[in-house]
Protein backbone atom coordinates (compact mmCIF):
# COMPACT_ATOMS: atom_id res chain seq x y z
CA MET A 1 101.65 133.86 99.25
CA SER A 2 98.81 134.65 101.69
CA SER A 3 97.98 132.16 104.32
CA ALA A 4 94.55 130.98 105.50
CA PRO A 5 93.56 132.07 108.98
CA ASP A 6 94.27 128.63 110.52
CA GLN A 7 97.67 128.24 108.79
CA VAL A 8 100.91 128.92 110.69
CA PRO A 9 103.70 129.86 108.23
CA LEU A 10 107.27 129.19 109.36
CA THR A 11 110.60 130.62 108.09
CA ALA A 12 113.99 128.96 108.43
CA ARG A 13 117.23 130.95 108.23
CA ARG A 14 120.91 130.10 108.23
CA ASN A 15 122.38 130.78 111.61
CA GLY A 16 125.41 129.58 113.63
CA PRO A 17 126.21 125.88 114.11
CA LEU A 18 123.74 123.49 115.65
CA ALA A 19 124.93 121.78 118.86
CA GLY A 20 123.52 119.70 121.67
CA ARG A 21 122.20 116.30 122.76
CA ILE A 22 118.56 115.48 122.07
CA ARG A 23 116.09 112.60 121.92
CA VAL A 24 113.51 112.86 119.12
CA PRO A 25 109.99 111.48 119.78
CA GLY A 26 109.20 107.74 119.89
CA ASP A 27 108.82 105.77 116.69
CA LYS A 28 105.41 106.28 115.12
CA SER A 29 105.22 102.79 113.51
CA ILE A 30 106.08 101.12 116.94
CA SER A 31 103.66 103.43 118.82
CA ILE A 32 100.63 102.69 116.60
CA ARG A 33 101.29 98.98 116.60
CA ALA A 34 101.71 98.97 120.42
CA LEU A 35 98.26 100.57 120.82
CA ILE A 36 96.55 98.31 118.43
CA LEU A 37 98.02 95.00 119.67
CA GLY A 38 97.56 96.15 123.33
CA ALA A 39 93.89 96.61 122.47
CA LEU A 40 93.75 93.03 121.13
CA THR A 41 94.92 91.49 124.34
CA VAL A 42 93.04 90.76 127.59
CA GLY A 43 94.60 92.55 130.56
CA GLU A 44 96.84 95.59 130.88
CA THR A 45 99.60 96.54 128.49
CA LYS A 46 102.00 99.32 129.56
CA VAL A 47 103.74 101.43 126.94
CA SER A 48 106.59 103.80 127.67
CA GLY A 49 108.15 106.33 125.22
CA LEU A 50 104.93 106.55 123.20
CA LEU A 51 104.91 109.16 120.47
CA GLU A 52 102.19 111.58 121.59
CA GLY A 53 101.69 113.00 118.12
CA GLU A 54 98.30 113.52 116.42
CA ASP A 55 98.56 110.40 114.32
CA VAL A 56 99.10 108.20 117.37
CA LEU A 57 96.46 109.96 119.49
CA ASN A 58 93.85 109.63 116.83
CA THR A 59 94.56 105.93 116.61
CA ALA A 60 94.10 105.73 120.38
CA LYS A 61 90.76 107.53 120.19
CA ALA A 62 89.59 105.11 117.52
CA LEU A 63 90.56 102.14 119.72
CA GLN A 64 88.64 103.67 122.61
CA THR A 65 85.61 104.01 120.35
CA LEU A 66 85.93 100.30 119.64
CA GLY A 67 85.91 99.45 123.35
CA ALA A 68 89.53 99.40 124.44
CA ARG A 69 90.44 101.45 127.48
CA MET A 70 93.35 103.91 127.14
CA ALA A 71 94.87 105.95 129.97
CA ARG A 72 97.81 108.28 130.00
CA THR A 73 99.71 107.49 133.14
CA GLY A 74 102.62 109.80 132.72
CA GLU A 75 104.79 111.63 130.12
CA ARG A 76 104.82 109.31 127.06
CA ALA A 77 103.51 106.56 129.31
CA TRP A 78 100.25 104.82 128.58
CA SER A 79 98.11 101.92 129.90
CA ILE A 80 95.90 99.92 127.58
CA ARG A 81 93.18 97.40 128.61
CA GLY A 82 92.12 95.43 125.56
CA THR A 83 89.11 93.57 124.29
CA GLY A 84 90.90 90.46 123.03
CA VAL A 85 91.27 89.21 119.47
CA GLY A 86 88.07 89.70 117.54
CA GLY A 87 86.47 91.56 120.51
CA PHE A 88 86.01 95.08 119.25
CA ALA A 89 82.60 96.58 119.86
CA GLU A 90 80.62 98.13 117.04
CA PRO A 91 81.20 101.94 117.24
CA ALA A 92 78.32 104.38 117.46
CA ASN A 93 80.38 107.05 115.50
CA ALA A 94 82.88 107.18 112.70
CA LEU A 95 86.49 106.43 113.53
CA ASP A 96 88.32 109.68 112.75
CA PHE A 97 92.06 109.06 111.96
CA GLY A 98 92.92 112.68 111.22
CA ASN A 99 96.02 112.49 109.04
CA SER A 100 97.10 109.02 109.97
CA GLY A 101 97.55 106.75 106.98
CA THR A 102 99.37 104.15 109.13
CA GLY A 103 96.65 104.17 111.85
CA SER A 104 93.77 103.87 109.39
CA ARG A 105 95.30 101.10 107.15
CA LEU A 106 96.37 98.93 110.06
CA MET A 107 93.00 99.41 111.74
CA PHE A 108 91.31 98.17 108.55
CA GLY A 109 93.03 94.87 109.23
CA ALA A 110 92.14 94.83 112.90
CA VAL A 111 88.52 95.65 112.30
CA ALA A 112 88.23 93.25 109.30
CA GLY A 113 88.58 90.29 111.71
CA CYS A 114 85.73 91.42 113.90
CA PRO A 115 81.92 90.84 113.22
CA ILE A 116 81.23 94.60 113.42
CA ARG A 117 80.58 97.51 111.01
CA ALA A 118 82.74 100.57 111.32
CA THR A 119 83.12 103.76 109.29
CA PHE A 120 86.60 105.16 108.79
CA ASP A 121 87.26 108.83 108.04
CA GLY A 122 90.00 111.43 108.24
CA ASP A 123 91.09 114.88 107.34
CA ALA A 124 91.08 116.29 103.79
CA SER A 125 94.63 114.95 103.14
CA LEU A 126 93.75 111.40 104.32
CA ARG A 127 90.60 111.37 102.24
CA LYS A 128 92.69 111.78 99.06
CA ARG A 129 94.75 108.70 99.76
CA PRO A 130 93.93 105.46 97.98
CA MET A 131 92.85 102.50 100.24
CA ARG A 132 91.75 99.95 97.61
CA ARG A 133 94.81 97.79 97.60
CA ILE A 134 94.52 97.34 101.46
CA LEU A 135 90.87 96.34 101.08
CA ASP A 136 91.25 93.79 98.31
CA PRO A 137 93.00 91.06 100.44
CA LEU A 138 90.71 91.90 103.41
CA GLU A 139 87.69 91.19 101.23
CA LYS A 140 89.20 87.86 100.32
CA MET A 141 89.35 87.14 103.99
CA GLY A 142 85.61 87.74 104.35
CA ALA A 143 85.32 91.48 105.15
CA ARG A 144 83.06 93.65 103.00
CA VAL A 145 83.19 97.34 101.98
CA VAL A 146 79.62 98.67 102.47
CA GLU A 147 80.16 102.22 101.44
CA GLN A 148 83.18 104.13 100.08
CA ALA A 149 84.14 107.50 98.44
CA GLU A 150 85.26 107.42 94.79
CA GLY A 151 88.19 105.25 94.11
CA GLY A 152 88.13 103.34 97.42
CA ARG A 153 88.80 106.40 99.54
CA LEU A 154 87.55 107.68 102.89
CA PRO A 155 84.94 108.03 104.26
CA LEU A 156 84.52 104.20 104.04
CA THR A 157 82.44 101.75 105.91
CA LEU A 158 83.85 98.26 106.47
CA GLU A 159 81.91 95.30 107.64
CA GLY A 160 84.17 92.76 109.32
CA ALA A 161 84.10 89.02 108.68
CA ARG A 162 81.91 86.89 110.80
CA ASP A 163 83.97 83.82 109.84
CA PRO A 164 87.37 85.18 108.77
CA MET A 165 89.34 83.00 106.32
CA PRO A 166 93.11 82.66 106.18
CA ILE A 167 94.72 83.49 102.86
CA VAL A 168 98.15 83.37 101.15
CA PHE A 169 98.79 86.90 100.01
CA GLU A 170 101.54 88.25 97.73
CA PRO A 171 101.53 92.08 98.03
CA PRO A 172 101.59 93.78 94.61
CA VAL A 173 103.99 96.36 95.92
CA PRO A 174 106.39 96.37 98.93
CA SER A 175 104.28 97.78 101.77
CA ALA A 176 104.60 97.19 105.52
CA GLN A 177 101.14 98.72 105.96
CA LEU A 178 99.56 96.19 103.47
CA LYS A 179 101.31 93.30 105.05
CA SER A 180 100.36 94.42 108.54
CA ALA A 181 96.73 94.85 107.70
CA VAL A 182 96.55 91.22 106.45
CA LEU A 183 98.40 89.83 109.50
CA LEU A 184 96.11 91.72 111.89
CA ALA A 185 93.05 90.37 110.20
CA GLY A 186 94.60 86.95 110.24
CA LEU A 187 94.68 87.04 114.04
CA SER A 188 90.91 86.18 113.93
CA ALA A 189 91.13 83.47 111.23
CA PRO A 190 91.64 79.77 111.99
CA GLY A 191 94.68 78.17 110.56
CA GLU A 192 97.60 80.00 109.00
CA THR A 193 97.58 83.34 107.27
CA MET A 194 100.65 83.77 105.06
CA VAL A 195 102.14 86.87 103.42
CA VAL A 196 104.89 86.34 100.78
CA GLU A 197 107.01 89.51 100.12
CA ALA A 198 109.05 89.92 96.96
CA GLU A 199 111.10 92.54 98.92
CA ALA A 200 111.47 92.65 102.74
CA THR A 201 109.62 95.52 104.34
CA ARG A 202 109.56 96.87 107.89
CA ASP A 203 109.09 93.99 110.26
CA HIS A 204 107.76 95.69 113.30
CA THR A 205 104.32 93.96 113.16
CA GLU A 206 105.92 90.55 112.99
CA LYS A 207 108.27 91.38 115.90
CA MET A 208 105.49 92.83 118.06
CA LEU A 209 103.07 90.00 117.34
CA THR A 210 105.73 87.61 118.66
CA HIS A 211 106.32 89.94 121.65
CA PHE A 212 102.61 89.61 122.48
CA GLY A 213 102.67 85.80 122.26
CA ALA A 214 101.47 85.06 118.69
CA GLN A 215 103.18 82.28 116.67
CA VAL A 216 104.82 83.92 113.75
CA ARG A 217 107.25 82.14 111.46
CA VAL A 218 109.55 84.28 109.11
CA GLU A 219 111.46 82.55 106.36
CA ALA A 220 113.68 83.91 103.57
CA THR A 221 112.60 83.11 100.02
CA ALA A 222 114.89 82.01 97.14
CA LYS A 223 114.65 85.46 95.45
CA GLY A 224 115.54 87.53 98.50
CA GLY A 225 112.07 88.15 99.79
CA ARG A 226 110.34 86.77 102.95
CA ARG A 227 107.51 84.49 103.83
CA ILE A 228 105.62 85.42 107.01
CA THR A 229 103.21 82.83 108.44
CA LEU A 230 100.88 83.62 111.34
CA THR A 231 98.94 81.07 113.30
CA GLY A 232 95.49 82.47 113.83
CA GLN A 233 93.24 82.81 116.93
CA PRO A 234 95.91 83.20 119.53
CA GLU A 235 95.32 84.59 123.01
CA LEU A 236 97.62 87.59 122.99
CA GLU A 237 99.19 88.28 126.37
CA PRO A 238 99.78 91.81 127.65
CA ARG A 239 103.49 92.72 127.53
CA PRO A 240 105.36 96.01 128.23
CA VAL A 241 106.50 97.98 125.21
CA ALA A 242 109.36 100.44 125.26
CA VAL A 243 109.16 102.64 122.18
CA PRO A 244 112.61 103.61 120.66
CA ALA A 245 113.28 107.06 119.10
CA ASP A 246 111.93 107.30 115.53
CA PRO A 247 114.61 107.14 112.91
CA SER A 248 112.35 108.95 110.40
CA SER A 249 112.01 111.83 112.84
CA ALA A 250 115.71 111.75 113.68
CA ALA A 251 116.39 112.29 110.00
CA PHE A 252 115.42 116.00 110.23
CA PRO A 253 117.72 117.28 112.99
CA LEU A 254 120.29 114.81 111.73
CA MET A 255 120.26 116.25 108.18
CA ALA A 256 120.19 119.79 109.50
CA ALA A 257 123.38 119.07 111.47
CA LEU A 258 125.06 117.76 108.35
CA LEU A 259 124.19 120.85 106.36
CA VAL A 260 124.86 123.67 108.82
CA PRO A 261 128.66 124.41 108.99
CA GLY A 262 130.29 123.60 112.37
CA SER A 263 127.46 121.63 113.72
CA ASP A 264 127.93 118.71 116.17
CA VAL A 265 124.72 116.95 117.46
CA ILE A 266 124.03 113.72 119.39
CA LEU A 267 120.76 111.92 118.86
CA GLU A 268 119.88 109.55 121.63
CA GLY A 269 118.31 106.05 121.42
CA VAL A 270 117.55 105.93 117.72
CA MET A 271 116.08 102.76 116.36
CA MET A 272 118.57 100.84 114.22
CA ASN A 273 116.30 98.07 112.80
CA PRO A 274 118.08 96.98 109.60
CA LEU A 275 114.89 97.44 107.64
CA ARG A 276 114.67 101.13 108.67
CA THR A 277 118.27 102.25 108.18
CA GLY A 278 118.49 102.82 104.42
CA LEU A 279 118.98 106.51 105.00
CA PHE A 280 122.07 105.97 107.20
CA THR A 281 123.49 103.60 104.58
CA THR A 282 122.95 106.24 101.89
CA LEU A 283 124.44 109.02 103.94
CA LEU A 284 127.60 107.00 104.58
CA GLU A 285 127.91 106.59 100.84
CA MET A 286 127.63 110.32 100.55
CA GLY A 287 130.56 110.78 102.93
CA ALA A 288 128.45 112.03 105.84
CA SER A 289 129.92 112.07 109.31
CA VAL A 290 127.31 109.91 111.20
CA GLU A 291 128.84 107.80 114.02
CA ARG A 292 126.89 105.13 115.84
CA LEU A 293 127.55 105.11 119.66
CA ASP A 294 126.44 102.54 122.27
CA LEU A 295 124.62 100.12 120.00
CA ARG A 296 122.23 98.16 122.23
CA ASN A 297 118.87 96.28 122.25
CA GLU A 298 115.81 97.81 123.90
CA GLY A 299 112.37 96.24 123.82
CA GLY A 300 113.34 93.91 121.06
CA GLU A 301 114.72 96.59 118.66
CA ASP A 302 118.36 97.64 118.11
CA VAL A 303 119.00 101.24 119.09
CA ALA A 304 122.10 103.53 119.16
CA ASP A 305 123.10 107.09 119.87
CA LEU A 306 124.13 108.90 116.74
CA ARG A 307 126.87 111.63 116.62
CA VAL A 308 126.41 113.82 113.58
CA ARG A 309 128.96 116.47 112.40
CA ALA A 310 128.67 118.81 109.43
CA GLY A 311 130.86 118.25 106.38
CA PRO A 312 130.86 117.98 102.61
CA LEU A 313 128.59 115.48 100.80
CA ARG A 314 128.99 113.79 97.45
CA ALA A 315 126.32 112.76 95.01
CA VAL A 316 125.08 109.14 94.96
CA ASP A 317 122.86 106.75 93.05
CA VAL A 318 120.25 105.35 95.41
CA PRO A 319 118.99 102.00 94.18
CA ALA A 320 115.21 101.20 94.02
CA GLY A 321 115.66 98.20 96.25
CA ARG A 322 116.56 100.58 99.11
CA ALA A 323 113.18 102.34 99.05
CA PRO A 324 111.34 100.14 101.57
CA SER A 325 114.01 100.89 104.21
CA MET A 326 113.85 104.66 103.87
CA ILE A 327 110.55 105.57 102.08
CA ASP A 328 109.73 108.39 104.48
CA GLU A 329 113.17 109.88 104.39
CA TYR A 330 113.49 110.72 100.61
CA PRO A 331 112.15 114.35 100.87
CA VAL A 332 114.79 115.33 103.43
CA LEU A 333 117.51 113.31 101.63
CA ALA A 334 116.56 115.32 98.51
CA ALA A 335 117.17 118.56 100.47
CA ALA A 336 120.59 117.32 101.49
CA ALA A 337 121.38 116.19 97.92
CA ALA A 338 121.09 119.90 96.82
CA PHE A 339 124.15 120.50 98.94
CA ALA A 340 126.12 117.56 97.56
CA GLU A 341 128.59 117.93 94.68
CA GLY A 342 127.20 116.19 91.53
CA THR A 343 124.07 114.55 90.41
CA THR A 344 122.12 112.35 92.87
CA ARG A 345 119.56 109.94 91.37
CA MET A 346 116.88 108.30 93.64
CA ARG A 347 115.29 105.42 91.87
CA GLY A 348 111.95 103.64 92.08
CA LEU A 349 109.98 106.23 94.12
CA LYS A 350 106.51 105.24 92.87
CA GLU A 351 105.30 104.74 96.48
CA LEU A 352 105.94 108.45 97.24
CA ARG A 353 103.07 109.36 94.95
CA VAL A 354 100.45 107.91 97.40
CA LYS A 355 101.65 109.40 100.69
CA GLU A 356 100.06 112.45 102.57
CA SER A 357 100.70 114.27 99.29
CA ASP A 358 102.24 113.32 96.01
CA ARG A 359 105.56 113.47 97.74
CA LEU A 360 107.54 112.95 94.55
CA ALA A 361 106.01 116.01 92.91
CA ALA A 362 106.02 117.96 96.17
CA THR A 363 109.69 117.22 96.83
CA ALA A 364 110.69 118.36 93.33
CA ALA A 365 108.61 121.56 93.77
CA LEU A 366 110.24 122.18 97.12
CA LEU A 367 113.69 122.19 95.59
CA ARG A 368 112.73 123.97 92.41
CA VAL A 369 111.21 126.96 94.16
CA ASN A 370 114.45 127.34 96.08
CA GLY A 371 116.60 127.48 93.01
CA VAL A 372 117.76 123.80 93.01
CA ASP A 373 118.02 122.06 89.59
CA VAL A 374 115.84 118.97 89.88
CA GLU A 375 113.82 116.74 87.56
CA ILE A 376 111.59 113.69 87.62
CA GLU A 377 112.15 110.81 85.14
CA GLY A 378 109.40 108.16 85.47
CA ASP A 379 109.64 107.25 89.16
CA ASP A 380 113.16 108.61 89.67
CA LEU A 381 114.08 111.86 91.32
CA ILE A 382 117.22 113.54 89.99
CA ILE A 383 118.93 116.35 91.89
CA HIS A 384 121.85 118.27 90.36
CA GLY A 385 123.73 119.41 93.44
CA LYS A 386 126.15 122.25 93.45
CA GLY A 387 127.33 122.12 97.08
CA ARG A 388 124.89 124.94 97.99
CA ALA A 389 121.17 125.87 97.77
CA PRO A 390 120.06 129.40 96.92
CA GLY A 391 116.81 129.31 98.94
CA GLY A 392 114.48 132.25 99.01
CA GLY A 393 111.31 130.34 98.13
CA THR A 394 107.97 129.69 99.79
CA VAL A 395 107.11 125.96 99.94
CA ALA A 396 103.53 124.59 99.53
CA THR A 397 103.38 121.82 102.13
CA HIS A 398 100.14 120.21 100.91
CA MET A 399 99.29 119.37 104.53
CA ASP A 400 102.29 117.00 104.56
CA HIS A 401 104.40 117.00 107.73
CA ARG A 402 107.50 115.59 106.08
CA ILE A 403 107.50 118.14 103.30
CA ALA A 404 107.20 120.87 105.84
CA MET A 405 110.17 119.63 107.92
CA SER A 406 112.28 118.93 104.83
CA ALA A 407 111.79 122.53 103.63
CA ILE A 408 112.88 123.76 107.11
CA VAL A 409 116.09 121.70 106.95
CA LEU A 410 116.79 123.13 103.48
CA GLY A 411 116.27 126.65 104.77
CA LEU A 412 118.68 126.15 107.69
CA GLY A 413 121.50 125.53 105.26
CA SER A 414 120.53 127.70 102.24
CA GLU A 415 121.91 131.07 101.29
CA ARG A 416 118.51 132.80 101.67
CA PRO A 417 115.56 131.98 104.10
CA VAL A 418 113.00 129.37 103.14
CA GLN A 419 109.34 129.74 104.18
CA ILE A 420 106.69 127.10 104.39
CA ASP A 421 103.02 127.98 103.99
CA ASP A 422 101.86 125.95 107.03
CA GLY A 423 103.71 124.26 109.89
CA THR A 424 100.67 122.95 111.82
CA PHE A 425 100.81 119.47 110.33
CA ILE A 426 104.30 118.87 111.73
CA ALA A 427 102.64 117.76 114.96
CA THR A 428 101.13 114.69 113.28
CA SER A 429 104.50 113.00 113.67
CA PHE A 430 106.91 115.28 115.52
CA PRO A 431 105.31 117.30 118.29
CA GLY A 432 107.76 119.81 119.63
CA PHE A 433 109.87 119.89 116.43
CA VAL A 434 110.28 123.64 116.28
CA GLY A 435 111.21 124.04 119.98
CA LEU A 436 113.75 121.17 119.70
CA MET A 437 115.39 122.69 116.67
CA ARG A 438 115.51 126.12 118.28
CA GLY A 439 117.16 124.45 121.30
CA LEU A 440 119.98 123.28 118.96
CA GLY A 441 120.47 126.78 117.71
CA ALA A 442 118.18 126.86 114.63
CA ASP A 443 116.63 130.18 113.55
CA LEU A 444 112.91 129.47 113.06
CA SER A 445 110.19 132.13 113.17
C-alpha cells in the first residue's frame, strides 16, 4: 500500500520482553472538562498533569477564541482565566476542533447556554461524525442550529439561547458526551436541569461540576440507572485540578505487556474510576495478570499503579452492559482476544460505529488482514482466538488513533510484523506513544 506524502507508516515487530515503569499521558476526558469548566469560572484555575495532545490543545484554542485566557506555565501545567457562566464572547472565526469529538460535543453544550453564534468545524474525520443527537436536546433548551452539513454534521453554526430553559432529558443511548453537553448548557438555565440515564455512563462531568462549586444531585433509579440534577446559574469557583493518567491510553502499553512473552511493566497513577474500569474487569476474567498497587485518591478520582505481566489469556463473553465503561478500549481488547484460547464475543457495540471511524468495522478489518478469524453479527464482535496471531498485514487506520495503536499492539505480539498506513493521528490522544513504547523495548520503525 502506498502512502500519501503526509502519512507516516509504522511497523511493529515482535521483540524481547517489555519492561519498565512508565506514566501514560493525562486523561483526555478530565483534561477537556478541566479546560471547559475553568473557562466558565471567574478567576484563575490551575491544572496539572494536563494531556497535551491535539484534541485537548484544539479545545484550548477554541476556548481562547471565545474569550478565555489560557497559558502554559510548565510541563503539562496550565493556567486558565475564565469568562464566567454564559460569558463567552462571539468568535470572529470558526472553532476548529481538529479530530476531537469530545471537545466539539461538550463545547456545543457550553456555547448553547450563551447568547452568541459560533461555527464548529474539524478535520475530515470529525466532519463525518454525526452530531444530531447532541443538538436535539440543546434545541429544546433554546439553542438553534443556523447552518449544518448534511445529516447534522460539521461544519455547523450554532446560535446559543438568549433565555436558556431547563429540561428533563432521557438520553436515547448511553453517552457521557450527550449527558455532559446538556449539563453544560444547563449551567446557564434557571431552575433544575435533569438527565435521567437508563445506564450509568462516565461521571467526570458531574464530579468536576461539584468540584467547581455547582450543586449537583446524583440519585440511583429503580432500574439501575441514574438521575443527575443540576441547579442552574451557579457562580463557578476556580479550583485546582490534578489530571490522573488516562486508563484508555494505559490500555495500549498494558495490553502489549500482556501479549509479549516475559514482559513485566508498571503503569503509574492510572485512573480507577469505577465507570472507566470495564477493561480491567474483563481482563481479570480472561486470566490476565494485572495487579493494582497503592490505590489512592487524587483530585477527586481513585488512582492506582498497575503491575502487568505477560501470560496466557482465555476467551470471554463481554456483556453489552459493560460497554459504557470501556467503549474506547474494544479495539485493543479485540487485538488481545486474538491471542486468547477460544471464542470471545463482545456484545452491544453499536456506539463504535460513530467514533472517529466505524470502529466496529475497522477493528474487524484490522484483525482479518492479519490472519485472525473474526466476524460481526449485528452489533456484536466475535473473535476466534487461537492463542496466536499470524500478523503480516497492513492496517488502514482511517485517521483513527485507537485503531492505529491497537494494530501496533497486535504487531508486537504477532508472528510477523504488522504495518499501519499512518501513525500521525496517534498524537490526538497519546503524544509520545512511539517513544514510550520503544523505551519499554518495543520494536517500532
